[in-house]
Amino acid sequence: MDILCIFGIILAMKKREKNIIYRRLIQSYLSSVISISMVLMLVGLSGLMAVNARSVSDFFRENIKLSLMFSASAEESYAKEVMSLLEKEQYVKEARFISREQGTAEMTEILGADFLSVFETNPIPLSVDLFLKARYLEPDSLIAVEQQLSQIEGVEEVVYQESLVKTINENMEKAGYAIGVVILLLLFISFVLINNTVRLNLYAKRFTIHAMKLVGAKRSFIRKPMLKGALLQGFVSGVLSVAILSAGVYLVYKDLPELFNILDITLVGVVFAGVVALGVVLCVVSTWIIVNRLVSMSGDDIYY
């Protein structure tokens, strides 16, 4: 009876020890996956900013208005005919006709109801507001468009915020360089962090790797299960980071649905796929390098 009790206690202790080891392995794996996921999420966020930088830039540029001011003698029918012709031009995204009454109402909101009292006649001309396609808001293209519009019969002036165009072009170019630098830094940081995470996990298995080497296991045999584990870990981390990013994008969509008129959903999908691929590649490459290093270590070195 005593022997059975002792045997039962030994089994219970072994089971408890296995449970503790199993629990520690799970905790270690989860902490590694979460750490890698957070790094990949930052990379993915920067990637979203980078691929949609052009869309954001185009959005701001295409909301810059060019106003064609017609002479006082111009008729509404003529101004509308000009607008119809301009809508067919390749550089025009949208055209809006502004009547004298509409223009007067807009000026009244800005200057007050009595601004017309100083004039004998209504000075507000007929006008057409043009919104150009983004690629034509570059300085050279914009000058050519302005010259062409100025030559239209009955058009006295082409008005737009030149300083605003210049500011947007300069700032968008600077933002592009800044995002590029940030992405390169994040890629470097992500490799270092993921490499350290993988190294710590594999270092805990150095005695197992050394034992496999002592019994004659080849490098390829030792690497194979490690690389499979790294591939799975990278994939799970990538999917988790994409899930977090997707949740963030969805929350933004709920609050700012108009933002999706700017975002390129195809490029968003490409970034998400790239994040998963990056997680797999970095984990596999780091594991390959570290396992080779551990296999090359002598029996004395593994204790340090």
C-alpha atoms as a PDB file:
ATOM      1  CA  MET A   1       0.000   0.000   0.000  1.00  0.00           C
ATOM      2  CA  ASP A   2       2.833   2.312   0.921  1.00  0.00           C
ATOM      3  CA  ILE A   3       4.574   1.507  -2.359  1.00  0.00           C
ATOM      4  CA  LEU A   4       1.402   2.352  -4.288  1.00  0.00           C
ATOM      5  CA  CYS A   5       1.086   5.650  -2.435  1.00  0.00           C
ATOM      6  CA  ILE A   6       4.711   6.542  -3.168  1.00  0.00           C
ATOM      7  CA  PHE A   7       4.249   5.569  -6.810  1.00  0.00           C
ATOM      8  CA  GLY A   8       1.125   7.725  -7.010  1.00  0.00           C
ATOM      9  CA  ILE A   9       2.939  10.672  -5.456  1.00  0.00           C
ATOM     10  CA  ILE A  10       5.800  10.300  -7.948  1.00  0.00           C
ATOM     11  CA  LEU A  11       3.342  10.241 -10.876  1.00  0.00           C
ATOM     12  CA  ALA A  12       1.540  13.273  -9.501  1.00  0.00           C
ATOM     13  CA  MET A  13       4.827  15.151  -9.130  1.00  0.00           C
ATOM     14  CA  LYS A  14       5.888  14.257 -12.676  1.00  0.00           C
ATOM     15  CA  LYS A  15       2.501  15.327 -14.006  1.00  0.00           C
ATOM     16  CA  ARG A  16       2.735  18.590 -12.112  1.00  0.00           C
ATOM     17  CA  GLU A  17       6.254  19.168 -13.416  1.00  0.00           C
ATOM     18  CA  LYS A  18       5.102  18.498 -16.988  1.00  0.00           C
ATOM     19  CA  ASN A  19       2.210  20.912 -16.517  1.00  0.00           C
ATOM     20  CA  ILE A  20       4.554  23.602 -15.226  1.00  0.00           C
ATOM     21  CA  ILE A  21       6.941  23.104 -18.150  1.00  0.00           C
ATOM     22  CA  TYR A  22       4.041  23.060 -20.621  1.00  0.00           C
ATOM     23  CA  ARG A  23       2.586  26.228 -19.101  1.00  0.00           C
ATOM     24  CA  ARG A  24       5.957  28.003 -19.261  1.00  0.00           C
ATOM     25  CA  LEU A  25       6.399  26.992 -22.885  1.00  0.00           C
ATOM     26  CA  ILE A  26       2.963  28.363 -23.748  1.00  0.00           C
ATOM     27  CA  GLN A  27       3.679  31.614 -21.891  1.00  0.00           C
ATOM     28  CA  SER A  28       7.036  31.940 -23.638  1.00  0.00           C
ATOM     29  CA  TYR A  29       5.470  31.273 -27.041  1.00  0.00           C
ATOM     30  CA  LEU A  30       2.618  33.720 -26.450  1.00  0.00           C
ATOM     31  CA  SER A  31       4.951  36.460 -25.227  1.00  0.00           C
ATOM     32  CA  SER A  32       7.127  35.982 -28.303  1.00  0.00           C
ATOM     33  CA  VAL A  33       4.127  36.060 -30.648  1.00  0.00           C
ATOM     34  CA  ILE A  34       2.730  39.199 -28.989  1.00  0.00           C
ATOM     35  CA  SER A  35       6.116  40.964 -29.070  1.00  0.00           C
ATOM     36  CA  ILE A  36       6.632  40.166 -32.746  1.00  0.00           C
ATOM     37  CA  SER A  37       3.026  41.146 -33.534  1.00  0.00           C
ATOM     38  CA  MET A  38       3.470  44.591 -31.954  1.00  0.00           C
ATOM     39  CA  VAL A  39       6.601  45.210 -34.010  1.00  0.00           C
ATOM     40  CA  LEU A  40       4.901  44.069 -37.211  1.00  0.00           C
ATOM     41  CA  MET A  41       1.895  46.244 -36.400  1.00  0.00           C
ATOM     42  CA  LEU A  42       4.103  49.348 -36.301  1.00  0.00           C
ATOM     43  CA  VAL A  43       5.676  48.343 -39.615  1.00  0.00           C
ATOM     44  CA  GLY A  44       2.223  47.743 -41.100  1.00  0.00           C
ATOM     45  CA  LEU A  45       0.959  51.114 -39.871  1.00  0.00           C
ATOM     46  CA  SER A  46       3.903  52.856 -41.504  1.00  0.00           C
ATOM     47  CA  GLY A  47       3.280  50.844 -44.663  1.00  0.00           C
ATOM     48  CA  LEU A  48      -0.353  51.998 -44.738  1.00  0.00           C
ATOM     49  CA  MET A  49       0.802  55.589 -44.424  1.00  0.00           C
ATOM     50  CA  ALA A  50       3.369  55.128 -47.183  1.00  0.00           C
ATOM     51  CA  VAL A  51       1.157  53.460 -49.798  1.00  0.00           C
ATOM     52  CA  ASN A  52      -1.683  55.912 -49.183  1.00  0.00           C
ATOM     53  CA  ALA A  53       0.507  59.016 -49.031  1.00  0.00           C
ATOM     54  CA  ARG A  54      -0.095  59.571 -52.749  1.00  0.00           C
ATOM     55  CA  SER A  55      -3.859  59.180 -52.307  1.00  0.00           C
ATOM     56  CA  VAL A  56      -3.869  61.689 -49.450  1.00  0.00           C
ATOM     57  CA  SER A  57      -1.744  64.077 -51.483  1.00  0.00           C
ATOM     58  CA  ASP A  58      -4.096  63.712 -54.471  1.00  0.00           C
ATOM     59  CA  PHE A  59      -7.104  64.339 -52.220  1.00  0.00           C
ATOM     60  CA  PHE A  60      -5.735  67.682 -51.025  1.00  0.00           C
ATOM     61  CA  ARG A  61      -4.597  68.733 -54.480  1.00  0.00           C
ATOM     62  CA  GLU A  62      -7.889  67.867 -56.140  1.00  0.00           C
ATOM     63  CA  ASN A  63      -9.725  70.060 -53.645  1.00  0.00           C
ATOM     64  CA  ILE A  64      -7.869  73.175 -54.761  1.00  0.00           C
ATOM     65  CA  LYS A  65     -10.209  75.419 -56.747  1.00  0.00           C
ATOM     66  CA  LEU A  66      -9.435  77.404 -59.897  1.00  0.00           C
ATOM     67  CA  SER A  67     -12.048  80.071 -60.605  1.00  0.00           C
ATOM     68  CA  LEU A  68     -12.638  81.403 -64.127  1.00  0.00           C
ATOM     69  CA  MET A  69     -14.006  84.954 -63.862  1.00  0.00           C
ATOM     70  CA  PHE A  70     -16.061  86.042 -66.883  1.00  0.00           C
ATOM     71  CA  SER A  71     -16.500  89.596 -68.125  1.00  0.00           C
ATOM     72  CA  ALA A  72     -19.550  91.587 -67.074  1.00  0.00           C
ATOM     73  CA  SER A  73     -21.029  91.261 -70.570  1.00  0.00           C
ATOM     74  CA  ALA A  74     -20.868  87.448 -70.599  1.00  0.00           C
ATOM     75  CA  GLU A  75     -24.194  85.613 -70.639  1.00  0.00           C
ATOM     76  CA  GLU A  76     -25.035  82.631 -68.454  1.00  0.00           C
ATOM     77  CA  SER A  77     -25.662  80.433 -71.496  1.00  0.00           C
ATOM     78  CA  TYR A  78     -22.156  81.184 -72.797  1.00  0.00           C
ATOM     79  CA  ALA A  79     -20.520  80.513 -69.405  1.00  0.00           C
ATOM     80  CA  LYS A  80     -22.380  77.202 -69.107  1.00  0.00           C
ATOM     81  CA  GLU A  81     -21.290  76.261 -72.636  1.00  0.00           C
ATOM     82  CA  VAL A  82     -17.658  76.951 -71.711  1.00  0.00           C
ATOM     83  CA  MET A  83     -18.070  74.834 -68.572  1.00  0.00           C
ATOM     84  CA  SER A  84     -19.465  71.935 -70.656  1.00  0.00           C
ATOM     85  CA  LEU A  85     -16.449  72.078 -72.965  1.00  0.00           C
ATOM     86  CA  LEU A  86     -14.007  72.243 -70.055  1.00  0.00           C
ATOM     87  CA  GLU A  87     -15.563  69.174 -68.406  1.00  0.00           C
ATOM     88  CA  LYS A  88     -14.323  67.161 -71.386  1.00  0.00           C
ATOM     89  CA  GLU A  89     -10.709  68.288 -70.929  1.00  0.00           C
ATOM     90  CA  GLN A  90      -8.377  65.575 -69.600  1.00  0.00           C
ATOM     91  CA  TYR A  91      -7.052  67.780 -66.802  1.00  0.00           C
ATOM     92  CA  VAL A  92     -10.480  68.610 -65.336  1.00  0.00           C
ATOM     93  CA  LYS A  93     -11.911  66.412 -62.585  1.00  0.00           C
ATOM     94  CA  GLU A  94     -14.995  68.517 -61.839  1.00  0.00           C
ATOM     95  CA  ALA A  95     -16.522  71.826 -62.972  1.00  0.00           C
ATOM     96  CA  ARG A  96     -19.183  73.941 -61.238  1.00  0.00           C
ATOM     97  CA  PHE A  97     -21.082  76.905 -62.625  1.00  0.00           C
ATOM     98  CA  ILE A  98     -21.465  79.837 -60.207  1.00  0.00           C
ATOM     99  CA  SER A  99     -24.248  82.278 -61.115  1.00  0.00           C
ATOM    100  CA  ARG A 100     -24.236  85.953 -60.072  1.00  0.00           C
ATOM    101  CA  GLU A 101     -26.893  85.255 -57.459  1.00  0.00           C
ATOM    102  CA  GLN A 102     -24.925  82.339 -55.973  1.00  0.00           C
ATOM    103  CA  GLY A 103     -21.719  84.374 -56.017  1.00  0.00           C
ATOM    104  CA  THR A 104     -23.496  87.292 -54.337  1.00  0.00           C
ATOM    105  CA  ALA A 105     -24.836  84.968 -51.602  1.00  0.00           C
ATOM    106  CA  GLU A 106     -21.333  83.626 -50.954  1.00  0.00           C
ATOM    107  CA  MET A 107     -19.854  87.124 -50.737  1.00  0.00           C
ATOM    108  CA  THR A 108     -22.681  88.221 -48.438  1.00  0.00           C
ATOM    109  CA  GLU A 109     -21.745  85.457 -45.990  1.00  0.00           C
ATOM    110  CA  ILE A 110     -18.134  86.652 -46.036  1.00  0.00           C
ATOM    111  CA  LEU A 111     -18.504  90.475 -46.156  1.00  0.00           C
ATOM    112  CA  GLY A 112     -21.968  91.048 -44.724  1.00  0.00           C
ATOM    113  CA  ALA A 113     -25.372  91.906 -46.169  1.00  0.00           C
ATOM    114  CA  ASP A 114     -24.585  95.562 -46.915  1.00  0.00           C
ATOM    115  CA  PHE A 115     -21.416  95.088 -48.970  1.00  0.00           C
ATOM    116  CA  LEU A 116     -23.337  95.890 -52.207  1.00  0.00           C
ATOM    117  CA  SER A 117     -24.361  99.317 -50.904  1.00  0.00           C
ATOM    118  CA  VAL A 118     -21.088 100.866 -52.084  1.00  0.00           C
ATOM    119  CA  PHE A 119     -21.654  99.706 -55.687  1.00  0.00           C
ATOM    120  CA  GLU A 120     -24.099 101.056 -58.220  1.00  0.00           C
ATOM    121  CA  THR A 121     -24.419  97.656 -59.904  1.00  0.00           C
ATOM    122  CA  ASN A 122     -23.712  94.096 -58.789  1.00  0.00           C
ATOM    123  CA  PRO A 123     -19.937  93.600 -59.259  1.00  0.00           C
ATOM    124  CA  ILE A 124     -20.061  89.816 -58.845  1.00  0.00           C
ATOM    125  CA  PRO A 125     -19.264  88.187 -62.211  1.00  0.00           C
ATOM    126  CA  LEU A 126     -20.299  84.840 -63.594  1.00  0.00           C
ATOM    127  CA  SER A 127     -17.693  82.204 -62.812  1.00  0.00           C
ATOM    128  CA  VAL A 128     -16.827  78.559 -63.252  1.00  0.00           C
ATOM    129  CA  ASP A 129     -14.991  76.683 -60.502  1.00  0.00           C
ATOM    130  CA  LEU A 130     -12.629  73.997 -61.768  1.00  0.00           C
ATOM    131  CA  PHE A 131     -11.094  71.180 -59.768  1.00  0.00           C
ATOM    132  CA  LEU A 132      -8.121  69.688 -61.583  1.00  0.00           C
ATOM    133  CA  LYS A 133      -6.779  66.145 -61.477  1.00  0.00           C
ATOM    134  CA  ALA A 134      -3.905  65.831 -59.033  1.00  0.00           C
ATOM    135  CA  ARG A 135      -1.129  65.328 -61.590  1.00  0.00           C
ATOM    136  CA  TYR A 136      -1.955  68.693 -63.176  1.00  0.00           C
ATOM    137  CA  LEU A 137      -1.394  70.566 -59.897  1.00  0.00           C
ATOM    138  CA  GLU A 138       2.362  70.348 -60.401  1.00  0.00           C
ATOM    139  CA  PRO A 139       3.906  73.806 -61.011  1.00  0.00           C
ATOM    140  CA  ASP A 140       4.728  73.335 -64.729  1.00  0.00           C
ATOM    141  CA  SER A 141       1.421  71.662 -65.594  1.00  0.00           C
ATOM    142  CA  LEU A 142      -0.572  74.232 -63.635  1.00  0.00           C
ATOM    143  CA  ILE A 143       1.063  77.142 -65.466  1.00  0.00           C
ATOM    144  CA  ALA A 144       0.234  75.540 -68.835  1.00  0.00           C
ATOM    145  CA  VAL A 145      -3.393  74.958 -67.768  1.00  0.00           C
ATOM    146  CA  GLU A 146      -3.691  78.536 -66.494  1.00  0.00           C
ATOM    147  CA  GLN A 147      -2.411  79.917 -69.802  1.00  0.00           C
ATOM    148  CA  GLN A 148      -4.879  77.800 -71.769  1.00  0.00           C
ATOM    149  CA  LEU A 149      -7.806  78.902 -69.597  1.00  0.00           C
ATOM    150  CA  SER A 150      -6.811  82.567 -69.807  1.00  0.00           C
ATOM    151  CA  GLN A 151      -7.083  82.432 -73.604  1.00  0.00           C
ATOM    152  CA  ILE A 152     -10.769  81.462 -73.511  1.00  0.00           C
ATOM    153  CA  GLU A 153     -12.904  84.266 -74.917  1.00  0.00           C
ATOM    154  CA  GLY A 154     -14.805  86.136 -72.214  1.00  0.00           C
ATOM    155  CA  VAL A 155     -12.561  84.960 -69.371  1.00  0.00           C
ATOM    156  CA  GLU A 156     -11.039  87.969 -67.666  1.00  0.00           C
ATOM    157  CA  GLU A 157      -9.098  86.252 -64.924  1.00  0.00           C
ATOM    158  CA  VAL A 158      -8.099  82.829 -63.597  1.00  0.00           C
ATOM    159  CA  VAL A 159      -7.918  82.883 -59.802  1.00  0.00           C
ATOM    160  CA  TYR A 160      -6.468  80.264 -57.475  1.00  0.00           C
ATOM    161  CA  GLN A 161      -4.452  80.120 -54.253  1.00  0.00           C
ATOM    162  CA  GLU A 162      -0.946  79.894 -55.643  1.00  0.00           C
ATOM    163  CA  SER A 163       0.668  79.906 -52.181  1.00  0.00           C
ATOM    164  CA  LEU A 164      -1.565  77.006 -51.091  1.00  0.00           C
ATOM    165  CA  VAL A 165      -0.559  74.946 -54.136  1.00  0.00           C
ATOM    166  CA  LYS A 166       3.115  75.633 -53.450  1.00  0.00           C
ATOM    167  CA  THR A 167       2.762  74.765 -49.756  1.00  0.00           C
ATOM    168  CA  ILE A 168       0.958  71.481 -50.436  1.00  0.00           C
ATOM    169  CA  ASN A 169       3.481  70.394 -53.091  1.00  0.00           C
ATOM    170  CA  GLU A 170       6.451  71.168 -50.849  1.00  0.00           C
ATOM    171  CA  ASN A 171       4.974  69.595 -47.713  1.00  0.00           C
ATOM    172  CA  MET A 172       3.839  66.433 -49.481  1.00  0.00           C
ATOM    173  CA  GLU A 173       7.335  65.943 -50.900  1.00  0.00           C
ATOM    174  CA  LYS A 174       8.877  66.388 -47.451  1.00  0.00           C
ATOM    175  CA  ALA A 175       6.309  64.035 -45.933  1.00  0.00           C
ATOM    176  CA  GLY A 176       7.212  61.389 -48.521  1.00  0.00           C
ATOM    177  CA  TYR A 177      10.890  61.521 -47.574  1.00  0.00           C
ATOM    178  CA  ALA A 178      10.054  61.461 -43.850  1.00  0.00           C
ATOM    179  CA  ILE A 179       7.797  58.416 -44.219  1.00  0.00           C
ATOM    180  CA  GLY A 180      10.493  56.630 -46.235  1.00  0.00           C
ATOM    181  CA  VAL A 181      13.085  57.224 -43.501  1.00  0.00           C
ATOM    182  CA  VAL A 182      10.655  56.094 -40.787  1.00  0.00           C
ATOM    183  CA  ILE A 183       9.866  52.870 -42.665  1.00  0.00           C
ATOM    184  CA  LEU A 184      13.561  52.049 -43.116  1.00  0.00           C
ATOM    185  CA  LEU A 185      14.208  52.658 -39.420  1.00  0.00           C
ATOM    186  CA  LEU A 186      11.227  50.532 -38.418  1.00  0.00           C
ATOM    187  CA  LEU A 187      12.362  47.701 -40.686  1.00  0.00           C
ATOM    188  CA  PHE A 188      15.800  47.778 -39.060  1.00  0.00           C
ATOM    189  CA  ILE A 189      14.325  47.971 -35.551  1.00  0.00           C
ATOM    190  CA  SER A 190      11.850  45.192 -36.317  1.00  0.00           C
ATOM    191  CA  PHE A 191      14.634  42.896 -37.511  1.00  0.00           C
ATOM    192  CA  VAL A 192      16.698  43.602 -34.382  1.00  0.00           C
ATOM    193  CA  LEU A 193      13.762  43.098 -31.992  1.00  0.00           C
ATOM    194  CA  ILE A 194      12.456  39.980 -33.714  1.00  0.00           C
ATOM    195  CA  ASN A 195      15.985  38.575 -33.941  1.00  0.00           C
ATOM    196  CA  ASN A 196      16.480  39.132 -30.195  1.00  0.00           C
ATOM    197  CA  THR A 197      13.124  37.531 -29.392  1.00  0.00           C
ATOM    198  CA  VAL A 198      13.925  34.473 -31.491  1.00  0.00           C
ATOM    199  CA  ARG A 199      17.450  34.300 -30.081  1.00  0.00           C
ATOM    200  CA  LEU A 200      16.170  34.233 -26.483  1.00  0.00           C
ATOM    201  CA  ASN A 201      13.718  31.448 -27.299  1.00  0.00           C
ATOM    202  CA  LEU A 202      16.317  29.336 -29.083  1.00  0.00           C
ATOM    203  CA  TYR A 203      18.984  29.997 -26.472  1.00  0.00           C
ATOM    204  CA  ALA A 204      16.762  28.214 -23.959  1.00  0.00           C
ATOM    205  CA  LYS A 205      16.971  25.154 -26.241  1.00  0.00           C
ATOM    206  CA  ARG A 206      20.757  25.217 -26.603  1.00  0.00           C
ATOM    207  CA  PHE A 207      21.253  22.081 -24.486  1.00  0.00           C
ATOM    208  CA  THR A 208      18.720  20.179 -26.595  1.00  0.00           C
ATOM    209  CA  ILE A 209      20.479  21.323 -29.764  1.00  0.00           C
ATOM    210  CA  HIS A 210      23.879  20.321 -28.319  1.00  0.00           C
ATOM    211  CA  ALA A 211      22.536  16.873 -27.318  1.00  0.00           C
ATOM    212  CA  MET A 212      21.189  16.341 -30.840  1.00  0.00           C
ATOM    213  CA  LYS A 213      24.602  17.284 -32.221  1.00  0.00           C
ATOM    214  CA  LEU A 214      26.354  14.824 -29.892  1.00  0.00           C
ATOM    215  CA  VAL A 215      24.253  11.894 -31.099  1.00  0.00           C
ATOM    216  CA  GLY A 216      25.209  12.678 -34.690  1.00  0.00           C
ATOM    217  CA  ALA A 217      22.272  14.755 -35.922  1.00  0.00           C
ATOM    218  CA  LYS A 218      23.042  16.791 -39.026  1.00  0.00           C
ATOM    219  CA  ARG A 219      22.526  20.550 -39.158  1.00  0.00           C
ATOM    220  CA  SER A 220      19.617  20.165 -41.556  1.00  0.00           C
ATOM    221  CA  PHE A 221      17.924  17.714 -39.188  1.00  0.00           C
ATOM    222  CA  ILE A 222      18.386  20.089 -36.228  1.00  0.00           C
ATOM    223  CA  ARG A 223      17.248  23.127 -38.207  1.00  0.00           C
ATOM    224  CA  LYS A 224      14.123  21.575 -39.724  1.00  0.00           C
ATOM    225  CA  PRO A 225      11.809  21.562 -36.657  1.00  0.00           C
ATOM    226  CA  MET A 226      13.175  24.942 -35.563  1.00  0.00           C
ATOM    227  CA  LEU A 227      12.451  26.495 -38.970  1.00  0.00           C
ATOM    228  CA  LYS A 228       8.962  24.995 -39.032  1.00  0.00           C
ATOM    229  CA  GLY A 229       8.282  26.503 -35.616  1.00  0.00           C
ATOM    230  CA  ALA A 230       9.658  29.861 -36.759  1.00  0.00           C
ATOM    231  CA  LEU A 231       7.480  29.803 -39.882  1.00  0.00           C
ATOM    232  CA  LEU A 232       4.379  29.135 -37.791  1.00  0.00           C
ATOM    233  CA  GLN A 233       5.358  31.762 -35.243  1.00  0.00           C
ATOM    234  CA  GLY A 234       5.963  34.377 -37.935  1.00  0.00           C
ATOM    235  CA  PHE A 235       2.672  33.552 -39.653  1.00  0.00           C
ATOM    236  CA  VAL A 236       0.641  33.696 -36.425  1.00  0.00           C
ATOM    237  CA  SER A 237       2.320  36.969 -35.425  1.00  0.00           C
ATOM    238  CA  GLY A 238       1.666  38.461 -38.865  1.00  0.00           C
ATOM    239  CA  VAL A 239      -1.992  37.423 -38.842  1.00  0.00           C
ATOM    240  CA  LEU A 240      -2.433  38.828 -35.324  1.00  0.00           C
ATOM    241  CA  SER A 241      -0.888  42.170 -36.305  1.00  0.00           C
ATOM    242  CA  VAL A 242      -3.096  42.321 -39.429  1.00  0.00           C
ATOM    243  CA  ALA A 243      -6.152  41.604 -37.276  1.00  0.00           C
ATOM    244  CA  ILE A 244      -5.258  44.514 -34.970  1.00  0.00           C
ATOM    245  CA  LEU A 245      -4.640  46.826 -37.940  1.00  0.00           C
ATOM    246  CA  SER A 246      -7.923  45.748 -39.547  1.00  0.00           C
ATOM    247  CA  ALA A 247      -9.793  46.527 -36.334  1.00  0.00           C
ATOM    248  CA  GLY A 248      -8.143  49.962 -36.275  1.00  0.00           C
ATOM    249  CA  VAL A 249      -9.072  50.633 -39.903  1.00  0.00           C
ATOM    250  CA  TYR A 250     -12.661  49.566 -39.192  1.00  0.00           C
ATOM    251  CA  LEU A 251     -12.927  51.900 -36.188  1.00  0.00           C
ATOM    252  CA  VAL A 252     -11.609  54.774 -38.297  1.00  0.00           C
ATOM    253  CA  TYR A 253     -14.134  53.896 -40.997  1.00  0.00           C
ATOM    254  CA  LYS A 254     -16.990  54.049 -38.464  1.00  0.00           C
ATOM    255  CA  ASP A 255     -15.965  57.550 -37.329  1.00  0.00           C
ATOM    256  CA  LEU A 256     -14.690  58.887 -40.684  1.00  0.00           C
ATOM    257  CA  PRO A 257     -16.347  56.953 -43.549  1.00  0.00           C
ATOM    258  CA  GLU A 258     -15.240  59.608 -46.044  1.00  0.00           C
ATOM    259  CA  LEU A 259     -11.654  58.535 -45.372  1.00  0.00           C
ATOM    260  CA  PHE A 260     -12.255  55.448 -47.508  1.00  0.00           C
ATOM    261  CA  ASN A 261     -12.669  57.746 -50.509  1.00  0.00           C
ATOM    262  CA  ILE A 262      -8.964  58.475 -50.057  1.00  0.00           C
ATOM    263  CA  LEU A 263      -7.600  55.048 -49.114  1.00  0.00           C
ATOM    264  CA  ASP A 264      -6.719  52.561 -51.835  1.00  0.00           C
ATOM    265  CA  ILE A 265      -8.201  49.314 -50.530  1.00  0.00           C
ATOM    266  CA  THR A 266      -6.107  47.234 -52.944  1.00  0.00           C
ATOM    267  CA  LEU A 267      -2.896  48.728 -51.552  1.00  0.00           C
ATOM    268  CA  VAL A 268      -4.175  48.191 -48.004  1.00  0.00           C
ATOM    269  CA  GLY A 269      -4.559  44.477 -48.828  1.00  0.00           C
ATOM    270  CA  VAL A 270      -1.042  44.420 -50.288  1.00  0.00           C
ATOM    271  CA  VAL A 271       0.345  45.941 -47.080  1.00  0.00           C
ATOM    272  CA  PHE A 272      -1.477  43.381 -44.932  1.00  0.00           C
ATOM    273  CA  ALA A 273      -0.119  40.525 -47.042  1.00  0.00           C
ATOM    274  CA  GLY A 274       3.347  42.096 -46.840  1.00  0.00           C
ATOM    275  CA  VAL A 275       3.156  42.262 -43.033  1.00  0.00           C
ATOM    276  CA  VAL A 276       2.406  38.531 -42.794  1.00  0.00           C
ATOM    277  CA  ALA A 277       5.177  37.730 -45.284  1.00  0.00           C
ATOM    278  CA  LEU A 278       7.617  39.965 -43.409  1.00  0.00           C
ATOM    279  CA  GLY A 279       6.832  38.212 -40.125  1.00  0.00           C
ATOM    280  CA  VAL A 280       7.488  34.806 -41.676  1.00  0.00           C
ATOM    281  CA  VAL A 281      10.699  35.895 -43.429  1.00  0.00           C
ATOM    282  CA  LEU A 282      12.207  37.645 -40.399  1.00  0.00           C
ATOM    283  CA  CYS A 283      11.426  34.757 -38.034  1.00  0.00           C
ATOM    284  CA  VAL A 284      12.770  32.123 -40.444  1.00  0.00           C
ATOM    285  CA  VAL A 285      15.923  34.090 -41.302  1.00  0.00           C
ATOM    286  CA  SER A 286      16.649  34.859 -37.637  1.00  0.00           C
ATOM    287  CA  THR A 287      16.094  31.216 -36.685  1.00  0.00           C
ATOM    288  CA  TRP A 288      18.384  30.019 -39.484  1.00  0.00           C
ATOM    289  CA  ILE A 289      21.199  32.312 -38.372  1.00  0.00           C
ATOM    290  CA  ILE A 290      20.846  31.601 -34.644  1.00  0.00           C
ATOM    291  CA  VAL A 291      20.493  27.806 -34.981  1.00  0.00           C
ATOM    292  CA  ASN A 292      23.644  27.684 -37.130  1.00  0.00           C
ATOM    293  CA  ARG A 293      25.434  29.696 -34.477  1.00  0.00           C
ATOM    294  CA  LEU A 294      24.242  27.423 -31.664  1.00  0.00           C
ATOM    295  CA  VAL A 295      25.182  24.280 -33.573  1.00  0.00           C
ATOM    296  CA  SER A 296      28.684  25.684 -34.070  1.00  0.00           C
ATOM    297  CA  MET A 297      29.137  26.361 -30.344  1.00  0.00           C
ATOM    298  CA  SER A 298      31.365  24.009 -28.327  1.00  0.00           C
ATOM    299  CA  GLY A 299      30.177  22.194 -25.240  1.00  0.00           C
ATOM    300  CA  ASP A 300      31.862  24.769 -22.996  1.00  0.00           C
ATOM    301  CA  ASP A 301      30.429  27.793 -24.801  1.00  0.00           C
ATOM    302  CA  ILE A 302      26.786  26.800 -24.276  1.00  0.00           C
ATOM    303  CA  TYR A 303      27.111  27.542 -20.548  1.00  0.00           C
ATOM    304  CA  TYR A 304      27.913  31.204 -21.199  1.00  0.00           C
END
